[in-house]
């Protein structure tokens, strides 16, 4: 869950870095990497993709808890006669002649 939240934080920072020069062209230069014309938003997009990959990897490794819990046995109804074909504890009946 932490990777998902951090990915969304990085995405919002990247979007802000891409949008700010268009909203305020005379604003501060925090949106550019020093001595280059490359936007810092690309770094934010990289960390967004990295966190999404980490989140996806941890999400698929978690076992399904429903498969780990055994199902309770069905109750046996004492009034219902048992099928002799499924009684495997006794000797088989003698063959019919």
N, C-alpha and C. Protein backbone atom coordinates (compact mmCIF):
# COMPACT_ATOMS: atom_id res chain seq x y z
N UNK A 1 0.82 -1.19 0.00
CA UNK A 1 0.00 0.00 0.00
C UNK A 1 0.86 1.25 0.00
N UNK A 2 2.01 1.17 0.69
CA UNK A 2 2.91 2.33 0.75
C UNK A 2 3.42 2.69 -0.64
N UNK A 3 3.75 1.67 -1.45
CA UNK A 3 4.25 1.94 -2.79
C UNK A 3 3.19 2.61 -3.66
N UNK A 4 1.95 2.23 -3.48
CA UNK A 4 0.86 2.86 -4.24
C UNK A 4 0.72 4.32 -3.86
N UNK A 5 0.76 4.62 -2.57
CA UNK A 5 0.63 6.01 -2.11
C UNK A 5 1.83 6.84 -2.59
N UNK A 6 3.03 6.28 -2.44
CA UNK A 6 4.22 7.02 -2.88
C UNK A 6 4.22 7.22 -4.39
N UNK A 7 3.71 6.25 -5.13
CA UNK A 7 3.60 6.43 -6.58
C UNK A 7 2.67 7.56 -6.93
N UNK A 8 1.57 7.67 -6.23
CA UNK A 8 0.63 8.77 -6.50
C UNK A 8 1.23 10.12 -6.11
N UNK A 9 2.03 10.14 -5.04
CA UNK A 9 2.71 11.39 -4.65
C UNK A 9 3.69 11.81 -5.74
N UNK A 10 4.48 10.86 -6.24
CA UNK A 10 5.43 11.18 -7.30
C UNK A 10 4.71 11.61 -8.58
N UNK A 11 3.59 11.00 -8.88
CA UNK A 11 2.83 11.39 -10.07
C UNK A 11 2.32 12.82 -9.93
N UNK A 12 1.81 13.17 -8.76
CA UNK A 12 1.31 14.54 -8.59
C UNK A 12 2.45 15.55 -8.67
N UNK A 13 3.62 15.22 -8.14
CA UNK A 13 4.76 16.13 -8.27
C UNK A 13 5.23 16.26 -9.71
N UNK A 14 5.20 15.16 -10.45
CA UNK A 14 5.59 15.20 -11.86
C UNK A 14 4.62 16.05 -12.67
N UNK A 15 3.33 15.87 -12.41
CA UNK A 15 2.34 16.68 -13.14
C UNK A 15 2.52 18.16 -12.80
N UNK A 16 2.77 18.45 -11.54
CA UNK A 16 2.99 19.86 -11.15
C UNK A 16 4.23 20.42 -11.84
N UNK A 17 5.29 19.62 -11.95
CA UNK A 17 6.51 20.09 -12.60
C UNK A 17 6.30 20.31 -14.10
N UNK A 18 5.44 19.53 -14.71
CA UNK A 18 5.16 19.73 -16.14
C UNK A 18 4.22 20.90 -16.38
N UNK A 19 3.28 21.13 -15.46
CA UNK A 19 2.25 22.14 -15.68
C UNK A 19 2.72 23.54 -15.26
N UNK A 20 3.54 23.64 -14.22
CA UNK A 20 3.92 24.95 -13.67
C UNK A 20 4.56 25.90 -14.69
N UNK A 21 5.45 25.46 -15.58
CA UNK A 21 5.99 26.41 -16.56
C UNK A 21 4.93 26.98 -17.50
N UNK A 22 3.85 26.25 -17.73
CA UNK A 22 2.80 26.75 -18.62
C UNK A 22 1.85 27.69 -17.88
N UNK A 23 1.68 27.45 -16.59
CA UNK A 23 0.80 28.30 -15.78
C UNK A 23 1.48 29.61 -15.45
N UNK A 24 2.75 29.55 -15.06
CA UNK A 24 3.50 30.74 -14.66
C UNK A 24 4.87 30.72 -15.36
N UNK A 25 4.96 31.25 -16.58
CA UNK A 25 6.22 31.17 -17.33
C UNK A 25 7.36 31.95 -16.67
N UNK A 26 7.07 32.98 -15.90
CA UNK A 26 8.11 33.78 -15.26
C UNK A 26 8.43 33.31 -13.84
N UNK A 27 7.94 32.15 -13.45
CA UNK A 27 8.12 31.64 -12.09
C UNK A 27 9.52 31.12 -11.84
N UNK A 28 9.68 30.47 -10.71
CA UNK A 28 11.00 29.96 -10.34
C UNK A 28 11.41 28.81 -11.25
N UNK A 29 12.69 28.50 -11.20
CA UNK A 29 13.23 27.48 -12.09
C UNK A 29 13.33 26.12 -11.41
N UNK A 30 12.49 25.83 -10.42
CA UNK A 30 12.56 24.54 -9.73
C UNK A 30 12.10 23.40 -10.61
N UNK A 31 11.45 23.72 -11.72
CA UNK A 31 10.93 22.65 -12.57
C UNK A 31 11.96 22.13 -13.56
N UNK A 32 13.15 22.73 -13.61
CA UNK A 32 14.19 22.29 -14.55
C UNK A 32 15.37 21.71 -13.77
N UNK A 33 16.02 20.69 -14.37
CA UNK A 33 17.25 20.16 -13.79
C UNK A 33 18.35 21.19 -14.02
N UNK A 34 19.23 21.36 -13.04
CA UNK A 34 20.25 22.42 -13.08
C UNK A 34 21.09 22.35 -14.36
N UNK A 35 21.27 23.51 -14.99
CA UNK A 35 22.09 23.70 -16.20
C UNK A 35 21.61 22.88 -17.39
N UNK A 36 20.36 22.47 -17.40
CA UNK A 36 19.78 21.76 -18.54
C UNK A 36 18.40 22.34 -18.82
N UNK A 37 17.82 21.90 -19.89
CA UNK A 37 16.46 22.30 -20.22
C UNK A 37 15.49 21.13 -20.01
N UNK A 38 15.89 20.16 -19.18
CA UNK A 38 15.09 18.96 -18.94
C UNK A 38 14.22 19.20 -17.70
N UNK A 39 12.95 18.87 -17.81
CA UNK A 39 12.02 19.06 -16.70
C UNK A 39 12.26 18.03 -15.60
N UNK A 40 12.11 18.45 -14.37
CA UNK A 40 12.25 17.56 -13.22
C UNK A 40 11.07 16.58 -13.15
N UNK A 41 10.04 16.86 -13.93
CA UNK A 41 8.89 15.97 -14.00
C UNK A 41 9.24 14.58 -14.51
N UNK A 42 10.28 14.48 -15.34
CA UNK A 42 10.71 13.17 -15.83
C UNK A 42 11.25 12.31 -14.70
N UNK A 43 11.92 12.93 -13.76
CA UNK A 43 12.40 12.19 -12.59
C UNK A 43 11.20 11.70 -11.77
N UNK A 44 10.21 12.58 -11.62
CA UNK A 44 9.00 12.19 -10.91
C UNK A 44 8.27 11.05 -11.60
N UNK A 45 8.21 11.07 -12.94
CA UNK A 45 7.58 9.97 -13.67
C UNK A 45 8.36 8.67 -13.52
N UNK A 46 9.69 8.77 -13.48
CA UNK A 46 10.50 7.58 -13.25
C UNK A 46 10.18 6.96 -11.89
N UNK A 47 10.15 7.79 -10.84
CA UNK A 47 9.86 7.26 -9.51
C UNK A 47 8.42 6.78 -9.40
N UNK A 48 7.51 7.40 -10.13
CA UNK A 48 6.13 6.91 -10.18
C UNK A 48 6.10 5.50 -10.76
N UNK A 49 6.77 5.30 -11.89
CA UNK A 49 6.79 3.98 -12.53
C UNK A 49 7.48 2.95 -11.64
N UNK A 50 8.55 3.36 -10.97
CA UNK A 50 9.27 2.46 -10.07
C UNK A 50 8.37 2.02 -8.92
N UNK A 51 7.65 2.95 -8.31
CA UNK A 51 6.78 2.60 -7.19
C UNK A 51 5.59 1.76 -7.65
N UNK A 52 5.08 2.01 -8.84
CA UNK A 52 3.98 1.19 -9.34
C UNK A 52 4.45 -0.23 -9.61
N UNK A 53 5.66 -0.39 -10.12
CA UNK A 53 6.19 -1.74 -10.34
C UNK A 53 6.40 -2.46 -9.01
N UNK A 54 6.90 -1.76 -8.01
CA UNK A 54 7.09 -2.37 -6.69
C UNK A 54 5.74 -2.74 -6.08
N UNK A 55 4.74 -1.87 -6.21
CA UNK A 55 3.41 -2.16 -5.68
C UNK A 55 2.81 -3.37 -6.37
N UNK A 56 2.93 -3.43 -7.68
CA UNK A 56 2.38 -4.55 -8.44
C UNK A 56 3.06 -5.86 -8.05
N UNK A 57 4.36 -5.82 -7.83
CA UNK A 57 5.09 -7.02 -7.45
C UNK A 57 4.70 -7.52 -6.06
N UNK A 58 4.51 -6.63 -5.12
CA UNK A 58 4.12 -7.07 -3.78
C UNK A 58 2.66 -7.49 -3.74
N UNK A 59 1.85 -6.93 -4.59
CA UNK A 59 0.43 -7.27 -4.60
C UNK A 59 0.22 -8.70 -5.08
N UNK A 60 0.99 -9.14 -6.05
CA UNK A 60 0.81 -10.49 -6.59
C UNK A 60 1.44 -11.56 -5.71
N UNK A 61 2.36 -11.21 -4.82
CA UNK A 61 3.02 -12.20 -3.98
C UNK A 61 2.17 -12.58 -2.77
N UNK A 62 1.19 -11.79 -2.42
CA UNK A 62 0.39 -12.09 -1.24
C UNK A 62 -0.54 -13.26 -1.54
N UNK A 63 -0.52 -14.30 -0.71
CA UNK A 63 -1.39 -15.45 -0.97
C UNK A 63 -2.85 -15.10 -0.71
N UNK A 64 -3.69 -15.81 -1.39
CA UNK A 64 -5.12 -15.63 -1.19
C UNK A 64 -5.51 -16.29 0.13
N UNK A 65 -5.95 -15.50 1.08
CA UNK A 65 -6.25 -16.02 2.42
C UNK A 65 -7.42 -17.01 2.41
N UNK A 66 -8.30 -16.91 1.45
CA UNK A 66 -9.42 -17.84 1.39
C UNK A 66 -8.95 -19.25 1.08
N UNK A 67 -7.84 -19.38 0.33
CA UNK A 67 -7.34 -20.71 -0.01
C UNK A 67 -6.59 -21.34 1.14
N UNK A 68 -6.14 -20.55 2.11
CA UNK A 68 -5.37 -21.08 3.22
C UNK A 68 -6.23 -21.59 4.37
N UNK A 69 -7.48 -21.17 4.44
CA UNK A 69 -8.35 -21.60 5.53
C UNK A 69 -9.12 -22.84 5.08
N UNK A 70 -9.09 -23.91 5.87
CA UNK A 70 -9.81 -25.13 5.46
C UNK A 70 -11.32 -24.92 5.58
N UNK A 71 -12.02 -25.58 4.72
CA UNK A 71 -13.48 -25.50 4.79
C UNK A 71 -13.98 -26.46 5.85
N UNK A 72 -14.97 -26.07 6.60
CA UNK A 72 -15.48 -26.97 7.64
C UNK A 72 -16.19 -28.17 7.00
N UNK A 73 -16.12 -29.33 7.64
CA UNK A 73 -16.79 -30.51 7.07
C UNK A 73 -18.31 -30.36 7.14
N UNK A 74 -18.96 -30.99 6.22
CA UNK A 74 -20.42 -30.95 6.21
C UNK A 74 -20.95 -31.79 7.36
N UNK A 75 -21.99 -31.32 8.01
CA UNK A 75 -22.55 -32.14 9.10
C UNK A 75 -23.24 -33.38 8.52
N UNK A 76 -23.13 -34.46 9.27
CA UNK A 76 -23.76 -35.72 8.84
C UNK A 76 -25.16 -35.78 9.43
N UNK A 77 -26.12 -36.03 8.57
CA UNK A 77 -27.51 -36.14 9.00
C UNK A 77 -27.74 -37.59 9.46
N UNK A 78 -27.99 -37.81 10.76
CA UNK A 78 -28.15 -39.20 11.23
C UNK A 78 -29.42 -39.86 10.72
N UNK A 79 -30.40 -39.11 10.30
CA UNK A 79 -31.66 -39.72 9.85
C UNK A 79 -31.60 -40.13 8.39
N UNK A 80 -30.62 -39.65 7.66
CA UNK A 80 -30.52 -40.01 6.26
C UNK A 80 -29.72 -41.31 6.15
N UNK A 81 -30.25 -42.33 5.47
CA UNK A 81 -29.51 -43.60 5.36
C UNK A 81 -28.26 -43.41 4.50
N UNK A 82 -27.21 -44.11 4.91
CA UNK A 82 -25.96 -44.02 4.18
C UNK A 82 -26.00 -44.91 2.94
N UNK A 83 -25.36 -44.48 1.93
CA UNK A 83 -25.29 -45.24 0.69
C UNK A 83 -24.25 -46.35 0.87
N UNK A 84 -24.64 -47.61 0.72
CA UNK A 84 -23.67 -48.70 0.92
C UNK A 84 -22.58 -48.72 -0.13
N UNK A 85 -22.78 -48.08 -1.26
CA UNK A 85 -21.75 -48.06 -2.30
C UNK A 85 -20.54 -47.22 -1.89
N UNK A 86 -20.72 -46.32 -0.93
CA UNK A 86 -19.63 -45.44 -0.51
C UNK A 86 -19.11 -45.78 0.88
N UNK A 87 -19.38 -46.97 1.39
CA UNK A 87 -18.87 -47.40 2.68
C UNK A 87 -17.57 -48.17 2.43
N UNK A 88 -16.43 -47.51 2.64
CA UNK A 88 -15.14 -48.11 2.36
C UNK A 88 -14.46 -48.66 3.61
N UNK A 89 -15.14 -48.65 4.75
CA UNK A 89 -14.53 -49.13 5.98
C UNK A 89 -14.80 -50.61 6.21
N UNK A 90 -15.78 -51.19 5.60
CA UNK A 90 -16.11 -52.60 5.78
C UNK A 90 -15.62 -53.41 4.59
N UNK A 91 -15.68 -54.70 4.75
CA UNK A 91 -15.29 -55.59 3.67
C UNK A 91 -16.33 -55.49 2.55
N UNK A 92 -15.90 -55.70 1.34
CA UNK A 92 -16.87 -55.65 0.24
C UNK A 92 -17.89 -56.77 0.35
N UNK A 93 -19.09 -56.56 -0.14
CA UNK A 93 -20.09 -57.62 -0.07
C UNK A 93 -19.67 -58.80 -0.94
N UNK A 94 -20.14 -59.96 -0.57
CA UNK A 94 -19.78 -61.13 -1.39
C UNK A 94 -20.38 -61.02 -2.80
N UNK A 95 -19.68 -61.57 -3.77
CA UNK A 95 -20.22 -61.49 -5.14
C UNK A 95 -21.52 -62.24 -5.26
N UNK A 96 -22.38 -61.76 -6.12
CA UNK A 96 -23.68 -62.41 -6.36
C UNK A 96 -23.47 -63.62 -7.26
N UNK A 97 -24.13 -64.68 -6.91
CA UNK A 97 -23.96 -65.92 -7.68
C UNK A 97 -25.09 -66.16 -8.63
